[in-house]
Amino acid sequence: MGIGLGEDTELNISGSNLRGVWRSLEFIEKLKSGQIDELQIGKQIAVIGGGNTAIDVARGVVRLGGMTQATKPTVMLLYRRSEKEMPAYAHEVRAAKQEGVRFWWLTAPVKLMGYGRVKHLQCIHMKLGEPDVSGRSRVEPVPGSEFTIYVDTVVLAIGQKSQAEFFKKIEGLALEENLVKVNEHYQTTNPKYFAGGDCVNGGATVVEAVQHGKLAAEGIHEYISATTAISSSATAKK
């Protein structure tokens, strides 16, 4: 099983359903399929998130602006932690900076505002606290540091949901933090099921997903061979 992740994770702030506020997957789909007129990106774009998807969106908008407008749009990427904690690849971040993406570190969205269509984004500055269970520093809002910026478009790219409900239908298949639990052969806790890719690691590269598939194929081969050998042995004894 390599079904990946599901829909975009929702950002639970008011105004997220205003026109001009996009979920990353839908935005990228329209961008890649050439449905540019539907995006109406405008001049001031804010991308919320710190992963490779957020970087893809930001770089795509910069390039789109250069092709369709007299001047490039201002593209801001807002991330609630510092650059050090950013999960996106460092070389992607460097490339985005070179292309003109403006990074706002330790910045979190608070509220989206507008009448029908988004016009303003209220944010708050954050600060790093003590490490959490994952080892990353916790982030805490700085009281009284709220500020508002003008925006034409906002793209929410804070991650994707696990398809945990699908996996819960498979008897004997265990999950860890809504991801499929596998052994070194990518075999799940139900021995007849193997899994790999984003549904196992929470989201990485296509290359890694392909590698999981190869290792899982080897695991399946070993499992079938062992099962066949046991079956043949039992038949011989009869």
Protein backbone atom coordinates (compact mmCIF):
# COMPACT_ATOMS: atom_id res chain seq x y z
CA MET A 1 0.00 0.00 0.00
CA GLY A 2 1.36 3.36 -1.04
CA ILE A 3 -1.70 5.58 -0.92
CA GLY A 4 0.14 8.61 0.46
CA LEU A 5 -1.55 11.28 2.53
CA GLY A 6 -4.98 12.82 2.12
CA GLU A 7 -6.43 16.30 2.08
CA ASP A 8 -4.71 19.45 3.33
CA THR A 9 -4.64 19.97 7.07
CA GLU A 10 -7.06 22.74 7.96
CA LEU A 11 -5.88 25.91 9.64
CA ASN A 12 -8.44 26.63 12.33
CA ILE A 13 -8.58 30.41 12.14
CA SER A 14 -11.45 32.68 11.17
CA GLY A 15 -11.66 33.76 7.55
CA SER A 16 -10.11 30.63 6.08
CA ASN A 17 -13.12 30.20 3.76
CA LEU A 18 -12.83 33.64 2.16
CA ARG A 19 -12.22 33.82 -1.59
CA GLY A 20 -8.53 34.09 -2.34
CA VAL A 21 -7.63 31.63 0.43
CA TRP A 22 -6.41 28.38 -1.11
CA ARG A 23 -5.42 24.95 0.17
CA SER A 24 -2.02 24.00 -1.20
CA LEU A 25 -3.06 20.89 -3.16
CA GLU A 26 -5.86 22.65 -5.02
CA PHE A 27 -3.63 25.65 -5.70
CA ILE A 28 -0.78 23.50 -7.07
CA GLU A 29 -3.21 21.50 -9.21
CA LYS A 30 -4.51 24.65 -10.89
CA LEU A 31 -1.01 26.04 -11.23
CA LYS A 32 0.32 22.88 -12.91
CA SER A 33 -2.73 22.41 -15.14
CA GLY A 34 -2.56 25.97 -16.47
CA GLN A 35 -5.77 27.23 -14.84
CA ILE A 36 -3.98 30.44 -13.94
CA ASP A 37 -6.91 32.82 -14.45
CA GLU A 38 -8.86 31.07 -11.69
CA LEU A 39 -6.11 31.77 -9.17
CA GLN A 40 -6.26 35.60 -9.46
CA ILE A 41 -3.11 35.82 -7.38
CA GLY A 42 -2.77 39.60 -7.34
CA LYS A 43 0.32 41.45 -6.13
CA GLN A 44 0.68 40.38 -2.49
CA ILE A 45 0.73 36.65 -1.69
CA ALA A 46 1.24 34.96 1.68
CA VAL A 47 2.12 31.27 1.92
CA ILE A 48 1.62 29.68 5.34
CA GLY A 49 3.89 26.72 6.15
CA GLY A 50 7.47 25.53 6.37
CA GLY A 51 7.68 22.33 4.35
CA ASN A 52 8.62 21.55 0.77
CA THR A 53 5.03 22.03 -0.38
CA ALA A 54 5.05 25.60 0.95
CA ILE A 55 8.34 26.23 -0.86
CA ASP A 56 6.92 24.77 -4.10
CA VAL A 57 3.93 27.09 -3.88
CA ALA A 58 6.05 30.18 -3.14
CA ARG A 59 8.51 29.52 -5.97
CA GLY A 60 5.68 28.69 -8.36
CA VAL A 61 3.95 32.01 -7.64
CA VAL A 62 7.17 33.97 -8.17
CA ARG A 63 7.66 32.34 -11.56
CA LEU A 64 3.99 32.70 -12.46
CA GLY A 65 4.13 36.41 -11.70
CA GLY A 66 7.17 36.86 -13.89
CA MET A 67 5.33 35.25 -16.82
CA THR A 68 1.92 36.88 -16.50
CA GLN A 69 2.45 40.31 -14.94
CA ALA A 70 4.55 43.37 -15.66
CA THR A 71 6.12 43.14 -12.22
CA LYS A 72 6.68 40.12 -10.02
CA PRO A 73 4.31 39.75 -7.08
CA THR A 74 5.52 40.04 -3.53
CA VAL A 75 5.61 36.49 -2.16
CA MET A 76 5.92 36.03 1.60
CA LEU A 77 6.38 32.69 3.31
CA LEU A 78 5.33 32.73 6.96
CA TYR A 79 6.67 30.03 9.27
CA ARG A 80 6.00 29.84 13.00
CA ARG A 81 9.45 28.51 13.88
CA SER A 82 12.96 29.66 12.95
CA GLU A 83 14.84 28.74 9.77
CA LYS A 84 16.79 26.11 11.72
CA GLU A 85 13.61 24.14 12.49
CA MET A 86 12.17 24.42 9.00
CA PRO A 87 11.44 20.94 7.54
CA ALA A 88 11.92 22.06 3.91
CA TYR A 89 15.18 21.13 2.22
CA ALA A 90 17.91 23.73 2.76
CA HIS A 91 18.75 23.93 -0.95
CA GLU A 92 15.08 24.62 -1.74
CA VAL A 93 15.04 27.44 0.82
CA ARG A 94 18.21 28.94 -0.68
CA ALA A 95 16.73 28.77 -4.17
CA ALA A 96 13.52 30.43 -2.98
CA LYS A 97 15.50 33.27 -1.40
CA GLN A 98 17.46 33.78 -4.63
CA GLU A 99 14.21 33.94 -6.58
CA GLY A 100 12.83 36.65 -4.31
CA VAL A 101 10.62 34.85 -1.78
CA ARG A 102 10.55 36.79 1.48
CA PHE A 103 10.73 34.64 4.61
CA TRP A 104 9.02 35.73 7.82
CA TRP A 105 10.37 33.52 10.59
CA LEU A 106 8.67 33.06 13.96
CA THR A 107 5.42 34.35 12.52
CA ALA A 108 2.02 32.68 12.90
CA PRO A 109 -1.35 33.58 11.34
CA VAL A 110 -4.11 34.64 13.70
CA LYS A 111 -7.02 35.75 11.52
CA LEU A 112 -7.91 36.27 7.87
CA MET A 113 -10.05 39.31 7.13
CA GLY A 114 -12.03 40.68 4.22
CA TYR A 115 -15.52 41.11 2.79
CA GLY A 116 -16.12 38.14 0.53
CA ARG A 117 -12.47 38.05 -0.52
CA VAL A 118 -9.42 38.07 1.72
CA LYS A 119 -7.73 41.46 2.09
CA HIS A 120 -5.77 41.33 5.34
CA LEU A 121 -3.90 38.74 7.35
CA GLN A 122 -3.40 39.30 11.06
CA CYS A 123 -0.28 37.63 12.46
CA ILE A 124 1.61 37.35 15.71
CA HIS A 125 5.29 36.97 16.45
CA MET A 126 6.39 33.74 18.09
CA LYS A 127 9.31 32.74 20.31
CA LEU A 128 11.04 29.42 20.85
CA GLY A 129 10.55 27.64 24.16
CA GLU A 130 11.64 24.33 25.67
CA PRO A 131 11.94 21.24 23.43
CA ASP A 132 8.85 19.04 23.05
CA VAL A 133 8.74 15.21 22.91
CA SER A 134 10.06 15.25 19.33
CA GLY A 135 13.11 17.29 20.36
CA ARG A 136 12.01 20.43 18.52
CA SER A 137 11.60 23.68 20.43
CA ARG A 138 8.06 24.56 21.37
CA VAL A 139 6.74 27.82 19.98
CA GLU A 140 4.91 30.38 22.07
CA PRO A 141 3.19 33.60 20.99
CA VAL A 142 4.74 36.89 22.05
CA PRO A 143 1.97 38.82 23.87
CA GLY A 144 1.06 42.11 22.26
CA SER A 145 3.06 41.46 19.06
CA GLU A 146 0.10 41.19 16.68
CA PHE A 147 0.35 42.97 13.33
CA THR A 148 -1.63 43.03 10.09
CA ILE A 149 -0.47 42.80 6.48
CA TYR A 150 -2.32 43.39 3.21
CA VAL A 151 -2.80 40.30 1.03
CA ASP A 152 -4.48 39.43 -2.26
CA THR A 153 -4.01 35.68 -1.93
CA VAL A 154 -3.21 33.30 0.92
CA VAL A 155 -2.13 29.68 0.40
CA LEU A 156 -2.36 27.29 3.36
CA ALA A 157 0.43 24.72 3.13
CA ILE A 158 0.76 23.37 6.67
CA GLY A 159 0.62 19.67 5.80
CA GLN A 160 -1.74 16.88 4.81
CA LYS A 161 -3.99 14.58 6.79
CA SER A 162 -3.25 10.91 7.30
CA GLN A 163 -5.79 8.55 5.74
CA ALA A 164 -6.10 6.79 9.08
CA GLU A 165 -9.80 5.93 8.66
CA PHE A 166 -8.96 3.79 5.63
CA PHE A 167 -6.27 1.86 7.51
CA LYS A 168 -8.48 1.32 10.53
CA LYS A 169 -10.71 -0.85 8.33
CA ILE A 170 -7.90 -3.39 7.90
CA GLU A 171 -7.99 -5.97 10.66
CA GLY A 172 -4.81 -6.26 12.71
CA LEU A 173 -3.08 -3.29 11.10
CA ALA A 174 -1.50 -1.01 13.72
CA LEU A 175 -0.94 2.74 13.44
CA GLU A 176 1.53 5.01 15.20
CA GLU A 177 0.46 8.64 15.33
CA ASN A 178 -1.96 7.86 12.46
CA LEU A 179 0.84 6.46 10.27
CA VAL A 180 1.16 2.80 9.28
CA LYS A 181 3.55 0.86 11.51
CA VAL A 182 5.98 -1.34 9.53
CA ASN A 183 9.09 -3.44 10.20
CA GLU A 184 12.41 -3.31 8.33
CA HIS A 185 10.80 -5.16 5.40
CA TYR A 186 7.90 -2.65 5.29
CA GLN A 187 5.54 -5.37 6.47
CA THR A 188 2.67 -4.13 8.61
CA THR A 189 1.37 -5.81 11.77
CA ASN A 190 -1.06 -7.68 9.50
CA PRO A 191 1.53 -9.91 7.76
CA LYS A 192 -0.35 -9.95 4.45
CA TYR A 193 -0.07 -6.18 4.08
CA PHE A 194 3.03 -4.14 3.23
CA ALA A 195 3.18 -0.36 3.04
CA GLY A 196 5.52 2.46 2.12
CA GLY A 197 5.78 6.13 1.21
CA ASP A 198 4.03 9.04 2.87
CA CYS A 199 1.51 6.84 4.69
CA VAL A 200 4.50 5.40 6.60
CA ASN A 201 6.86 8.36 7.02
CA GLY A 202 4.37 11.23 7.13
CA GLY A 203 5.55 12.87 3.93
CA ALA A 204 8.93 12.85 2.19
CA THR A 205 10.20 12.53 -1.38
CA VAL A 206 9.06 10.46 -4.36
CA VAL A 207 12.53 8.91 -4.41
CA GLU A 208 12.08 7.65 -0.84
CA ALA A 209 8.62 6.31 -1.64
CA VAL A 210 10.02 4.41 -4.62
CA GLN A 211 12.75 2.95 -2.40
CA HIS A 212 10.11 1.82 0.08
CA GLY A 213 8.31 0.08 -2.78
CA LYS A 214 11.46 -1.79 -3.81
CA LEU A 215 12.21 -2.89 -0.25
CA ALA A 216 8.58 -3.89 0.29
CA ALA A 217 8.71 -5.97 -2.92
CA GLU A 218 11.74 -7.81 -1.56
CA GLY A 219 9.90 -8.31 1.72
CA ILE A 220 6.83 -9.66 -0.09
CA HIS A 221 9.03 -12.07 -2.04
CA GLU A 222 10.64 -13.34 1.17
CA TYR A 223 7.25 -13.63 2.88
CA ILE A 224 5.72 -15.62 0.00
CA SER A 225 8.80 -17.83 -0.26
CA ALA A 226 8.72 -18.59 3.47
CA THR A 227 4.97 -19.23 3.43
CA THR A 228 5.29 -21.53 0.41
CA ALA A 229 8.14 -23.45 2.06
CA ILE A 230 6.09 -24.01 5.22
CA SER A 231 3.08 -25.11 3.17
CA SER A 232 5.22 -27.52 1.11
CA SER A 233 6.76 -28.96 4.25
CA ALA A 234 3.36 -29.52 5.82
CA THR A 235 2.10 -31.23 2.63
CA ALA A 236 5.16 -33.51 2.50
CA LYS A 237 4.60 -34.65 6.08
CA LYS A 238 1.04 -35.63 5.22
